[in-house]
Amino acid sequence: MTFSIAARCADTGRFGVAISSSSPAVAARCAHVRAGVGAAASQNVTDPRLGPAMLNLIEAGASASAAIDALVASRADIDHRQLAAIDARGDAWAFSGAATLGIHATARGRDCVAAGNLLASPHIPSAMIGAFERSQGDLGDRLLLALAAGLAAGGEAGPVHSAGLLIADQVEWPVTDLRVDWDESDPIGRLRVLWELWRPQAGAYVQRALNPAAAPTYGVPGDA
């Protein structure tokens, strides 16, 4: 039901997840990031608790691969789960349980890891990794290019209806948290439009939180 990519930017230290699914509101359940720690996706028959659990283990000193291995060894119903994570050292790992749905696959690359289930082809994660590795620039742009490449390579076996982009950078909250929770035709395209709207303003919203007296004005009617 889902294909995703989790990645880090080696230049800025940012972490991000881009994800799409035939299910509604996929990013609300499946995408997880933590500044200075890593990024994780918990999907297939989703247990949203597994994303924070991966990041907690990484924050405590485990590598991404060790964190996933620990959960695989200790959690009930793990055969139904598909997990992916990357840490601050660039270690990336993924797991697909024996009960993962339909055609499923994972792939790892430089500073990224991708996973998918109920796919049109097992090559989707590799296509996403290739697109990410060939790209340069802003992490959000690169993640969305990878997500679009997954769709272009076949995506899910059926149409996708939701998509999301989550990015962490230095502060405790995600500096980008964009979601298209349901769209009948092109949620990934709509997510790109949201990103183009959000990207120029993202830094200003962080500044408003940290130093509101020096933050830029809002540029809306009635704003002094």
Protein backbone atom coordinates (compact mmCIF):
# COMPACT_ATOMS: atom_id res chain seq x y z
CA MET A 1 0.00 0.00 0.00
CA THR A 2 3.00 2.32 0.34
CA PHE A 3 6.36 3.38 -1.08
CA SER A 4 8.75 5.66 0.76
CA ILE A 5 12.27 6.99 1.00
CA ALA A 6 14.11 8.09 4.15
CA ALA A 7 17.29 10.11 3.70
CA ARG A 8 19.78 12.51 5.19
CA CYS A 9 21.63 15.47 3.69
CA ALA A 10 25.31 14.99 4.47
CA ASP A 11 25.98 18.71 3.94
CA THR A 12 23.30 20.16 6.25
CA GLY A 13 22.56 17.28 8.64
CA ARG A 14 18.88 17.38 7.76
CA PHE A 15 16.75 14.24 7.73
CA GLY A 16 13.61 13.61 5.72
CA VAL A 17 10.99 11.15 4.59
CA ALA A 18 8.86 11.26 1.44
CA ILE A 19 6.03 8.77 1.20
CA SER A 20 2.94 7.91 -0.84
CA SER A 21 0.15 5.36 -0.57
CA SER A 22 -3.27 4.27 -1.77
CA SER A 23 -4.40 4.68 1.85
CA PRO A 24 -5.48 8.05 3.26
CA ALA A 25 -3.15 10.21 5.37
CA VAL A 26 -0.15 7.92 5.01
CA ALA A 27 2.41 10.42 6.33
CA ALA A 28 0.46 10.93 9.55
CA ARG A 29 1.04 7.28 10.47
CA CYS A 30 4.19 6.18 8.73
CA ALA A 31 6.80 8.99 8.48
CA HIS A 32 9.07 9.92 11.40
CA VAL A 33 12.06 12.28 11.73
CA ARG A 34 14.11 13.62 14.61
CA ALA A 35 16.70 16.40 14.37
CA GLY A 36 20.26 15.19 14.87
CA VAL A 37 19.08 11.58 15.12
CA GLY A 38 17.59 10.17 11.95
CA ALA A 39 14.58 9.39 9.81
CA ALA A 40 12.36 6.33 9.78
CA ALA A 41 9.36 4.83 8.01
CA SER A 42 7.05 2.24 9.57
CA GLN A 43 4.63 0.89 6.96
CA ASN A 44 2.73 -2.05 5.44
CA VAL A 45 0.24 -3.07 8.18
CA THR A 46 1.27 0.03 10.08
CA ASP A 47 2.21 0.25 13.73
CA PRO A 48 2.99 3.97 14.24
CA ARG A 49 4.78 3.17 17.51
CA LEU A 50 7.65 1.57 15.61
CA GLY A 51 8.85 4.83 14.03
CA PRO A 52 9.55 6.59 17.35
CA ALA A 53 10.93 3.31 18.72
CA MET A 54 13.52 3.17 15.93
CA LEU A 55 14.50 6.79 16.54
CA ASN A 56 14.69 6.26 20.31
CA LEU A 57 17.13 3.40 19.83
CA ILE A 58 19.23 5.42 17.39
CA GLU A 59 19.26 8.40 19.76
CA ALA A 60 20.45 6.06 22.52
CA GLY A 61 23.46 5.06 20.39
CA ALA A 62 22.32 2.24 18.13
CA SER A 63 22.94 2.34 14.40
CA ALA A 64 19.90 2.29 12.13
CA SER A 65 20.57 -1.34 11.28
CA ALA A 66 20.96 -2.31 14.94
CA ALA A 67 17.79 -0.45 15.87
CA ILE A 68 15.74 -2.29 13.26
CA ASP A 69 17.31 -5.62 14.18
CA ALA A 70 16.43 -5.01 17.83
CA LEU A 71 12.79 -4.33 17.01
CA VAL A 72 12.59 -7.34 14.70
CA ALA A 73 13.89 -9.50 17.53
CA SER A 74 11.61 -8.09 20.22
CA ARG A 75 8.28 -6.92 18.81
CA ALA A 76 5.13 -8.96 18.38
CA ASP A 77 3.52 -9.16 14.92
CA ILE A 78 6.76 -8.03 13.27
CA ASP A 79 6.05 -10.28 10.26
CA HIS A 80 3.36 -7.77 9.25
CA ARG A 81 5.67 -4.75 9.34
CA GLN A 82 7.98 -3.05 6.87
CA LEU A 83 10.61 -0.76 8.39
CA ALA A 84 13.28 1.60 7.06
CA ALA A 85 15.65 3.97 8.86
CA ILE A 86 18.79 6.07 8.44
CA ASP A 87 20.98 7.57 11.16
CA ALA A 88 23.35 10.53 11.47
CA ARG A 89 26.33 8.45 10.32
CA GLY A 90 24.55 7.52 7.12
CA ASP A 91 23.91 3.92 8.13
CA ALA A 92 20.67 2.85 6.45
CA TRP A 93 18.69 -0.36 6.84
CA ALA A 94 15.30 -1.83 5.99
CA PHE A 95 13.21 -4.85 6.89
CA SER A 96 10.21 -6.55 5.29
CA GLY A 97 8.33 -9.09 7.37
CA ALA A 98 7.20 -12.40 5.95
CA ALA A 99 3.59 -11.15 5.78
CA THR A 100 4.43 -7.94 3.87
CA LEU A 101 1.73 -7.40 1.28
CA GLY A 102 2.01 -8.11 -2.44
CA ILE A 103 5.16 -7.34 -4.41
CA HIS A 104 7.52 -5.72 -1.94
CA ALA A 105 11.14 -4.63 -1.94
CA THR A 106 13.71 -2.42 -0.24
CA ALA A 107 16.87 -0.71 -1.47
CA ARG A 108 19.72 1.20 0.13
CA GLY A 109 21.98 3.87 -1.30
CA ARG A 110 24.28 6.68 -0.30
CA ASP A 111 22.51 8.52 2.54
CA CYS A 112 19.12 6.97 1.71
CA VAL A 113 16.92 3.91 2.01
CA ALA A 114 13.64 3.10 0.25
CA ALA A 115 10.92 0.54 0.81
CA GLY A 116 7.58 -0.40 -0.70
CA ASN A 117 4.79 -2.94 -0.63
CA LEU A 118 1.89 -3.80 -2.96
CA LEU A 119 4.11 -2.45 -5.71
CA ALA A 120 3.66 -2.65 -9.45
CA SER A 121 7.26 -3.86 -9.69
CA PRO A 122 10.06 -4.84 -7.28
CA HIS A 123 12.28 -2.23 -8.95
CA ILE A 124 10.44 0.78 -7.45
CA PRO A 125 12.71 1.28 -4.40
CA SER A 126 15.84 1.03 -6.57
CA ALA A 127 14.40 3.66 -8.94
CA MET A 128 13.84 5.98 -5.98
CA ILE A 129 17.38 5.44 -4.69
CA GLY A 130 18.83 6.14 -8.13
CA ALA A 131 16.89 9.38 -8.47
CA PHE A 132 17.97 10.55 -5.03
CA GLU A 133 21.63 9.73 -5.61
CA ARG A 134 21.69 11.51 -8.98
CA SER A 135 20.12 14.67 -7.57
CA GLN A 136 21.68 17.64 -5.81
CA GLY A 137 20.46 20.60 -3.77
CA ASP A 138 17.74 20.94 -1.17
CA LEU A 139 16.79 17.74 0.64
CA GLY A 140 13.09 18.38 0.05
CA ASP A 141 13.62 18.68 -3.70
CA ARG A 142 15.64 15.49 -3.76
CA LEU A 143 13.09 13.53 -1.77
CA LEU A 144 10.26 14.65 -4.03
CA LEU A 145 12.27 13.76 -7.12
CA ALA A 146 12.76 10.29 -5.65
CA LEU A 147 9.06 9.94 -4.87
CA ALA A 148 8.13 10.99 -8.41
CA ALA A 149 10.66 8.51 -9.80
CA GLY A 150 9.00 5.74 -7.82
CA LEU A 151 5.64 6.68 -9.30
CA ALA A 152 7.08 6.92 -12.81
CA ALA A 153 8.60 3.46 -12.43
CA GLY A 154 5.15 2.02 -11.67
CA GLY A 155 4.42 2.97 -8.08
CA GLU A 156 1.78 0.90 -6.39
CA ALA A 157 -0.16 -1.79 -8.16
CA GLY A 158 -3.17 0.57 -7.92
CA PRO A 159 -3.56 4.35 -7.79
CA VAL A 160 -2.06 6.34 -4.93
CA HIS A 161 -4.24 8.78 -2.97
CA SER A 162 -2.02 10.37 -0.30
CA ALA A 163 1.53 11.64 0.03
CA GLY A 164 3.70 13.45 2.54
CA LEU A 165 7.04 15.15 3.09
CA LEU A 166 8.63 15.42 6.54
CA ILE A 167 11.98 17.13 7.25
CA ALA A 168 13.91 17.70 10.51
CA ASP A 169 16.64 20.31 10.98
CA GLN A 170 18.21 21.38 14.31
CA VAL A 171 15.00 22.30 16.18
CA GLU A 172 12.76 19.92 18.11
CA TRP A 173 9.88 20.02 15.64
CA PRO A 174 9.84 19.13 11.93
CA VAL A 175 10.69 22.23 9.90
CA THR A 176 8.61 20.80 7.06
CA ASP A 177 5.49 18.68 7.58
CA LEU A 178 3.42 18.69 4.40
CA ARG A 179 0.64 16.23 3.64
CA VAL A 180 -1.88 15.53 0.95
CA ASP A 181 -4.17 13.26 2.92
CA TRP A 182 -6.50 12.34 0.03
CA ASP A 183 -6.49 13.15 -3.65
CA GLU A 184 -8.23 11.15 -6.36
CA SER A 185 -5.79 11.94 -9.16
CA ASP A 186 -2.29 13.21 -8.27
CA PRO A 187 -1.32 13.47 -4.59
CA ILE A 188 2.40 13.53 -5.40
CA GLY A 189 1.89 16.40 -7.85
CA ARG A 190 -0.15 18.29 -5.26
CA LEU A 191 2.57 17.67 -2.68
CA ARG A 192 5.09 19.25 -5.05
CA VAL A 193 2.87 22.35 -5.35
CA LEU A 194 2.65 22.59 -1.55
CA TRP A 195 6.42 22.27 -1.27
CA GLU A 196 7.01 25.08 -3.77
CA LEU A 197 4.68 27.27 -1.70
CA TRP A 198 6.22 26.28 1.63
CA ARG A 199 9.94 26.18 0.81
CA PRO A 200 10.57 29.98 0.64
CA GLN A 201 8.77 30.47 3.98
CA ALA A 202 10.15 27.55 5.96
CA GLY A 203 13.07 29.45 7.53
CA ALA A 204 10.85 32.36 8.53
CA TYR A 205 8.55 30.07 10.52
CA VAL A 206 11.52 28.71 12.46
CA GLN A 207 12.68 32.27 13.18
CA ARG A 208 9.21 33.25 14.38
CA ALA A 209 9.38 30.44 16.89
CA LEU A 210 12.90 31.16 18.13
CA ASN A 211 13.02 34.96 17.92
CA PRO A 212 9.60 36.45 17.16
CA ALA A 213 10.68 40.07 17.73
CA ALA A 214 13.15 39.83 14.85
CA ALA A 215 11.05 37.61 12.59
CA PRO A 216 9.79 38.80 9.20
CA THR A 217 6.25 40.10 8.87
CA TYR A 218 3.50 37.85 7.66
CA GLY A 219 2.53 39.77 4.54
CA VAL A 220 -1.21 39.32 5.07
CA PRO A 221 -3.99 41.92 5.34
CA GLY A 222 -3.93 43.65 8.74
CA ASP A 223 -0.32 42.70 9.46
CA ALA A 224 1.47 45.74 10.85
